[in-house]
């Protein structure tokens, strides 16, 4: 029979926690939450640099509006577009009280975070990946975005 203290040790055994971390990496999980009796362990992995998915899952919608919205790239003739690497919700700031990461007129570098895209409750920081000046924000804060959808227009000076 296990005593309450040995039960609590079971969930926090270092080998088990390491194995959970390995499983999180192996299965690309961002969070694990376990409870045993009154003891609870919650493990979270922060998203590494947002990397485009080869084939993101697309939820079929009843209305084909996004195709009409994506007809805005003619603006790209004299600028570079920063596009969404994933499907999710676009946010201009880390939280509602914070100022936006960038605004029109700001100069950015390749590593400058320009926005976050929330996908499956994970906030992914999106880098500019180019150097230049933001000339347009093409998406409203809180709007849904699709893979490859233009988010910003940047004048690169080329």
Protein backbone atom coordinates (compact mmCIF):
# COMPACT_ATOMS: atom_id res chain seq x y z
CA UNK A 1 0.00 0.00 0.00
CA UNK A 2 1.31 3.44 -0.91
CA UNK A 3 1.43 6.19 1.63
CA UNK A 4 0.27 9.67 0.63
CA UNK A 5 3.86 10.91 0.58
CA UNK A 6 5.02 8.14 -1.76
CA UNK A 7 2.06 8.85 -4.04
CA UNK A 8 3.13 12.50 -4.25
CA UNK A 9 6.70 11.48 -5.01
CA UNK A 10 5.51 9.26 -7.87
CA UNK A 11 4.12 12.15 -9.90
CA UNK A 12 7.23 14.29 -9.31
CA UNK A 13 9.85 11.58 -9.91
CA UNK A 14 12.60 13.25 -11.98
CA UNK A 15 12.82 10.33 -14.41
CA UNK A 16 9.08 10.53 -15.05
CA UNK A 17 9.20 14.29 -15.56
CA UNK A 18 12.11 13.89 -18.01
CA UNK A 19 10.15 11.22 -19.87
CA UNK A 20 7.15 13.57 -20.07
CA UNK A 21 9.38 16.27 -21.54
CA UNK A 22 10.71 13.77 -24.10
CA UNK A 23 7.15 12.78 -25.02
CA UNK A 24 6.19 16.44 -25.41
CA UNK A 25 9.06 16.96 -27.85
CA UNK A 26 8.45 13.68 -29.65
CA UNK A 27 4.75 14.41 -30.22
CA UNK A 28 5.16 18.19 -30.59
CA UNK A 29 2.95 18.92 -27.57
CA UNK A 30 2.97 22.38 -26.03
CA UNK A 31 1.42 21.46 -22.67
CA UNK A 32 0.82 18.50 -20.34
CA UNK A 33 -1.31 18.77 -17.20
CA UNK A 34 -1.43 15.79 -14.82
CA UNK A 35 -3.10 15.35 -11.46
CA UNK A 36 -2.64 12.58 -8.94
CA UNK A 37 -4.73 13.02 -5.81
CA UNK A 38 -4.18 16.55 -4.56
CA UNK A 39 -0.86 16.93 -6.38
CA UNK A 40 -0.73 18.43 -9.84
CA UNK A 41 2.05 18.98 -12.37
CA UNK A 42 1.72 21.19 -15.42
CA UNK A 43 4.46 21.31 -18.06
CA UNK A 44 4.51 23.89 -20.85
CA UNK A 45 6.88 24.27 -23.75
CA UNK A 46 7.25 27.70 -25.21
CA UNK A 47 6.97 27.71 -28.95
CA UNK A 48 10.34 27.96 -30.61
CA UNK A 49 10.68 30.28 -33.56
CA UNK A 50 7.48 29.98 -35.49
CA UNK A 51 8.13 27.63 -38.38
CA UNK A 52 5.74 27.22 -41.31
CA UNK A 53 3.88 23.97 -41.39
CA UNK A 54 4.13 22.00 -44.61
CA UNK A 55 0.40 21.39 -44.81
CA UNK A 56 -1.56 23.19 -42.09
CA UNK A 57 -5.01 21.81 -41.33
CA UNK A 58 -7.66 23.89 -43.05
CA UNK A 59 -11.14 24.10 -41.64
CA UNK A 60 -13.71 24.29 -44.41
CA UNK A 61 -15.97 27.31 -44.04
CA UNK A 62 -19.41 27.82 -45.47
CA UNK A 63 -18.44 31.15 -47.06
CA UNK A 64 -15.42 31.57 -49.36
CA UNK A 65 -14.60 35.12 -48.12
CA UNK A 66 -10.84 34.67 -47.50
CA UNK A 67 -10.21 34.29 -51.23
CA UNK A 68 -11.76 37.71 -51.81
CA UNK A 69 -9.65 39.24 -49.01
CA UNK A 70 -6.46 37.81 -50.47
CA UNK A 71 -6.92 39.84 -53.62
CA UNK A 72 -5.05 42.69 -51.86
CA UNK A 73 -1.50 41.69 -52.95
CA UNK A 74 -1.48 44.16 -55.91
CA UNK A 75 -0.15 46.57 -53.26
CA UNK A 76 2.98 44.42 -53.13
CA UNK A 77 4.27 45.90 -56.41
CA UNK A 78 6.52 48.37 -54.56
CA UNK A 79 7.10 46.56 -51.27
CA UNK A 80 7.74 43.23 -49.61
CA UNK A 81 4.94 41.38 -47.84
CA UNK A 82 5.29 39.74 -44.44
CA UNK A 83 2.99 36.73 -44.62
CA UNK A 84 1.44 34.55 -41.94
CA UNK A 85 3.32 31.26 -41.51
CA UNK A 86 0.21 29.61 -40.03
CA UNK A 87 -3.55 29.70 -39.58
CA UNK A 88 -4.64 31.51 -36.43
CA UNK A 89 -5.66 34.81 -34.85
CA UNK A 90 -3.56 37.93 -35.55
CA UNK A 91 -2.60 40.26 -32.69
CA UNK A 92 -0.58 43.47 -32.98
CA UNK A 93 0.57 43.36 -29.33
CA UNK A 94 1.53 40.81 -26.67
CA UNK A 95 -1.58 41.71 -24.64
CA UNK A 96 -4.40 44.29 -24.78
CA UNK A 97 -2.58 46.76 -22.48
CA UNK A 98 0.73 46.67 -24.38
CA UNK A 99 1.59 48.94 -27.30
CA UNK A 100 1.71 47.29 -30.75
CA UNK A 101 4.95 45.55 -31.71
CA UNK A 102 5.20 47.79 -34.80
CA UNK A 103 3.19 50.51 -36.52
CA UNK A 104 3.29 52.19 -39.93
CA UNK A 105 6.56 54.09 -40.29
CA UNK A 106 8.58 51.87 -37.93
CA UNK A 107 11.88 50.45 -39.15
CA UNK A 108 12.28 46.69 -38.68
CA UNK A 109 15.08 44.15 -38.99
CA UNK A 110 14.88 40.44 -39.81
CA UNK A 111 14.58 39.48 -36.13
CA UNK A 112 12.07 42.19 -35.15
CA UNK A 113 8.82 40.71 -33.83
CA UNK A 114 6.01 42.36 -35.80
CA UNK A 115 3.00 40.53 -34.33
CA UNK A 116 1.81 37.30 -32.75
CA UNK A 117 -0.44 34.67 -34.27
CA UNK A 118 -2.35 32.55 -31.80
CA UNK A 119 -2.81 28.96 -32.96
CA UNK A 120 -4.25 26.31 -30.65
CA UNK A 121 -3.79 28.56 -27.57
CA UNK A 122 -0.08 29.06 -28.34
CA UNK A 123 1.07 32.60 -29.12
CA UNK A 124 3.69 32.45 -31.90
CA UNK A 125 5.90 35.50 -32.37
CA UNK A 126 6.22 36.39 -36.04
CA UNK A 127 9.54 37.99 -37.11
CA UNK A 128 9.80 40.48 -39.98
CA UNK A 129 12.44 38.35 -41.79
CA UNK A 130 13.36 41.47 -43.82
CA UNK A 131 14.84 44.89 -43.11
CA UNK A 132 12.88 47.97 -44.01
CA UNK A 133 10.07 50.33 -43.04
CA UNK A 134 6.49 49.20 -42.31
CA UNK A 135 4.25 50.93 -44.87
CA UNK A 136 0.97 49.13 -44.17
CA UNK A 137 -0.70 46.85 -41.63
CA UNK A 138 -2.97 44.67 -43.78
CA UNK A 139 -4.92 42.83 -41.04
CA UNK A 140 -7.13 44.10 -38.21
CA UNK A 141 -6.12 43.22 -34.64
CA UNK A 142 -7.97 40.07 -33.53
CA UNK A 143 -8.80 38.95 -37.07
CA UNK A 144 -8.42 35.37 -38.27
CA UNK A 145 -5.57 34.80 -40.70
CA UNK A 146 -4.78 32.01 -43.12
CA UNK A 147 -1.47 30.40 -44.03
CA UNK A 148 0.37 32.70 -46.45
CA UNK A 149 -1.98 35.65 -45.92
CA UNK A 150 -0.18 39.03 -46.14
CA UNK A 151 0.04 40.74 -42.73
CA UNK A 152 2.31 43.74 -43.37
CA UNK A 153 3.81 45.59 -46.29
CA UNK A 154 7.47 46.61 -45.90
CA UNK A 155 9.47 49.04 -48.03
CA UNK A 156 12.87 47.39 -48.17
CA UNK A 157 14.74 50.15 -49.98
CA UNK A 158 15.93 47.84 -52.76
